[in-house]
Amino acid sequence: MATGRLPDHVKEAVVQALACFDTPKQVRSAIQAEYGLDLSPQQIEAYDPNKSTGRNLSERLRMLFERTRRKFHEDLSDIPVSNKAYRLRALSRLYAQAESR
């Protein structure tokens, strides 16, 4: 488990992942893979301003969270599965595969 201060780039990565609705478990895996740091769920939740543990988050990281969350909501068109036609095509392919078996 990582102890002491985290580098700013790791803090930013955690905040951005949480702003995109990643779970603490998903964030933990991503940080471990990217930076080799093992963070506890409690450490991760401290970077979510919507949680009671994140109430003391710095203004800079709070603003980063808000900007990232806003951009995430606005840019849903960048996520293919958010498009109804994409989902229907994927379901159609799965259905065709199931029918052929």
C-alpha atoms as a PDB file:
ATOM      1  CA  MET A   1       0.000   0.000   0.000  1.00  0.00           C
ATOM      2  CA  ALA A   2       1.300   3.443  -0.901  1.00  0.00           C
ATOM      3  CA  THR A   3       2.141   5.586   2.070  1.00  0.00           C
ATOM      4  CA  GLY A   4       3.156   9.221   2.238  1.00  0.00           C
ATOM      5  CA  ARG A   5       2.345  11.880  -0.313  1.00  0.00           C
ATOM      6  CA  LEU A   6       1.295  10.874  -3.762  1.00  0.00           C
ATOM      7  CA  PRO A   7       2.834  12.689  -6.727  1.00  0.00           C
ATOM      8  CA  ASP A   8       0.544  15.273  -8.307  1.00  0.00           C
ATOM      9  CA  HIS A   9       0.180  13.335 -11.563  1.00  0.00           C
ATOM     10  CA  VAL A  10      -1.103  10.291  -9.631  1.00  0.00           C
ATOM     11  CA  LYS A  11      -3.562  12.437  -7.658  1.00  0.00           C
ATOM     12  CA  GLU A  12      -4.841  13.911 -10.915  1.00  0.00           C
ATOM     13  CA  ALA A  13      -5.234  10.462 -12.467  1.00  0.00           C
ATOM     14  CA  VAL A  14      -7.259   9.293  -9.452  1.00  0.00           C
ATOM     15  CA  VAL A  15      -9.477  12.397  -9.503  1.00  0.00           C
ATOM     16  CA  GLN A  16     -10.116  12.115 -13.244  1.00  0.00           C
ATOM     17  CA  ALA A  17     -10.978   8.427 -13.017  1.00  0.00           C
ATOM     18  CA  LEU A  18     -13.412   9.056 -10.169  1.00  0.00           C
ATOM     19  CA  ALA A  19     -14.972  11.932 -12.099  1.00  0.00           C
ATOM     20  CA  CYS A  20     -15.670   9.479 -14.928  1.00  0.00           C
ATOM     21  CA  PHE A  21     -17.561   7.241 -12.482  1.00  0.00           C
ATOM     22  CA  ASP A  22     -14.874   4.578 -12.153  1.00  0.00           C
ATOM     23  CA  THR A  23     -15.219   2.589  -8.934  1.00  0.00           C
ATOM     24  CA  PRO A  24     -12.434   2.684  -6.339  1.00  0.00           C
ATOM     25  CA  LYS A  25     -11.600  -0.894  -7.335  1.00  0.00           C
ATOM     26  CA  GLN A  26     -11.245   0.104 -11.005  1.00  0.00           C
ATOM     27  CA  VAL A  27      -9.136   3.134 -10.042  1.00  0.00           C
ATOM     28  CA  ARG A  28      -6.944   0.972  -7.819  1.00  0.00           C
ATOM     29  CA  SER A  29      -6.287  -1.465 -10.682  1.00  0.00           C
ATOM     30  CA  ALA A  30      -5.541   1.335 -13.141  1.00  0.00           C
ATOM     31  CA  ILE A  31      -3.134   3.120 -10.776  1.00  0.00           C
ATOM     32  CA  GLN A  32      -1.408  -0.129  -9.930  1.00  0.00           C
ATOM     33  CA  ALA A  33      -0.966  -0.982 -13.616  1.00  0.00           C
ATOM     34  CA  GLU A  34       0.080   2.530 -14.678  1.00  0.00           C
ATOM     35  CA  TYR A  35       2.253   3.656 -11.755  1.00  0.00           C
ATOM     36  CA  GLY A  36       2.978   0.505  -9.724  1.00  0.00           C
ATOM     37  CA  LEU A  37       1.323   1.975  -6.628  1.00  0.00           C
ATOM     38  CA  ASP A  38      -1.080   0.004  -4.454  1.00  0.00           C
ATOM     39  CA  LEU A  39      -3.693   2.383  -3.043  1.00  0.00           C
ATOM     40  CA  SER A  40      -6.374   1.422  -0.567  1.00  0.00           C
ATOM     41  CA  PRO A  41     -10.026   2.161  -1.339  1.00  0.00           C
ATOM     42  CA  GLN A  42      -9.963   4.705   1.508  1.00  0.00           C
ATOM     43  CA  GLN A  43      -7.031   6.540  -0.069  1.00  0.00           C
ATOM     44  CA  ILE A  44      -8.867   6.642  -3.375  1.00  0.00           C
ATOM     45  CA  GLU A  45     -12.151   7.867  -1.880  1.00  0.00           C
ATOM     46  CA  ALA A  46     -10.274  10.773  -0.306  1.00  0.00           C
ATOM     47  CA  TYR A  47      -9.992  12.198  -3.840  1.00  0.00           C
ATOM     48  CA  ASP A  48     -13.750  12.184  -4.475  1.00  0.00           C
ATOM     49  CA  PRO A  49     -15.274  15.518  -3.377  1.00  0.00           C
ATOM     50  CA  ASN A  50     -18.715  13.878  -3.322  1.00  0.00           C
ATOM     51  CA  LYS A  51     -17.682  11.576  -0.474  1.00  0.00           C
ATOM     52  CA  SER A  52     -17.308  12.651   3.135  1.00  0.00           C
ATOM     53  CA  THR A  53     -13.652  11.591   3.075  1.00  0.00           C
ATOM     54  CA  GLY A  54     -13.047  13.959   0.147  1.00  0.00           C
ATOM     55  CA  ARG A  55     -14.432  17.069   1.844  1.00  0.00           C
ATOM     56  CA  ASN A  56     -10.915  18.410   2.416  1.00  0.00           C
ATOM     57  CA  LEU A  57      -9.819  17.972  -1.191  1.00  0.00           C
ATOM     58  CA  SER A  58      -7.794  20.905  -2.477  1.00  0.00           C
ATOM     59  CA  GLU A  59      -9.569  23.492  -4.605  1.00  0.00           C
ATOM     60  CA  ARG A  60      -7.342  22.640  -7.594  1.00  0.00           C
ATOM     61  CA  LEU A  61      -8.301  18.956  -7.494  1.00  0.00           C
ATOM     62  CA  ARG A  62     -11.955  19.773  -6.788  1.00  0.00           C
ATOM     63  CA  MET A  63     -12.044  21.979  -9.909  1.00  0.00           C
ATOM     64  CA  LEU A  64     -10.313  19.232 -11.935  1.00  0.00           C
ATOM     65  CA  PHE A  65     -12.988  16.794 -10.766  1.00  0.00           C
ATOM     66  CA  GLU A  66     -15.800  19.175 -11.765  1.00  0.00           C
ATOM     67  CA  ARG A  67     -14.266  19.946 -15.195  1.00  0.00           C
ATOM     68  CA  THR A  68     -13.671  16.283 -15.921  1.00  0.00           C
ATOM     69  CA  ARG A  69     -17.173  15.273 -14.810  1.00  0.00           C
ATOM     70  CA  ARG A  70     -18.734  18.030 -16.945  1.00  0.00           C
ATOM     71  CA  LYS A  71     -16.666  17.026 -19.989  1.00  0.00           C
ATOM     72  CA  PHE A  72     -17.559  13.381 -19.412  1.00  0.00           C
ATOM     73  CA  HIS A  73     -21.267  14.211 -19.463  1.00  0.00           C
ATOM     74  CA  GLU A  74     -20.939  16.444 -22.527  1.00  0.00           C
ATOM     75  CA  ASP A  75     -18.840  14.022 -24.555  1.00  0.00           C
ATOM     76  CA  LEU A  76     -21.037  10.947 -24.357  1.00  0.00           C
ATOM     77  CA  SER A  77     -21.025  10.860 -28.147  1.00  0.00           C
ATOM     78  CA  ASP A  78     -17.355   9.831 -27.951  1.00  0.00           C
ATOM     79  CA  ILE A  79     -18.390   6.581 -26.260  1.00  0.00           C
ATOM     80  CA  PRO A  80     -19.725   4.205 -28.921  1.00  0.00           C
ATOM     81  CA  VAL A  81     -21.976   2.208 -26.580  1.00  0.00           C
ATOM     82  CA  SER A  82     -23.851   5.409 -25.694  1.00  0.00           C
ATOM     83  CA  ASN A  83     -25.237   5.405 -29.250  1.00  0.00           C
ATOM     84  CA  LYS A  84     -28.504   3.480 -29.599  1.00  0.00           C
ATOM     85  CA  ALA A  85     -27.695   2.285 -33.122  1.00  0.00           C
ATOM     86  CA  TYR A  86     -24.340   0.906 -31.943  1.00  0.00           C
ATOM     87  CA  ARG A  87     -26.013  -1.015 -29.107  1.00  0.00           C
ATOM     88  CA  LEU A  88     -28.675  -2.427 -31.425  1.00  0.00           C
ATOM     89  CA  ARG A  89     -26.065  -3.598 -33.932  1.00  0.00           C
ATOM     90  CA  ALA A  90     -24.088  -5.296 -31.150  1.00  0.00           C
ATOM     91  CA  LEU A  91     -27.243  -6.985 -29.847  1.00  0.00           C
ATOM     92  CA  SER A  92     -28.140  -8.046 -33.371  1.00  0.00           C
ATOM     93  CA  ARG A  93     -24.725  -9.683 -33.818  1.00  0.00           C
ATOM     94  CA  LEU A  94     -25.096 -11.516 -30.488  1.00  0.00           C
ATOM     95  CA  TYR A  95     -28.569 -12.662 -31.452  1.00  0.00           C
ATOM     96  CA  ALA A  96     -27.362 -13.953 -34.824  1.00  0.00           C
ATOM     97  CA  GLN A  97     -24.545 -15.865 -33.119  1.00  0.00           C
ATOM     98  CA  ALA A  98     -26.963 -17.420 -30.622  1.00  0.00           C
ATOM     99  CA  GLU A  99     -29.374 -18.374 -33.425  1.00  0.00           C
ATOM    100  CA  SER A 100     -26.632 -20.091 -35.406  1.00  0.00           C
ATOM    101  CA  ARG A 101     -25.746 -22.320 -32.459  1.00  0.00           C
END
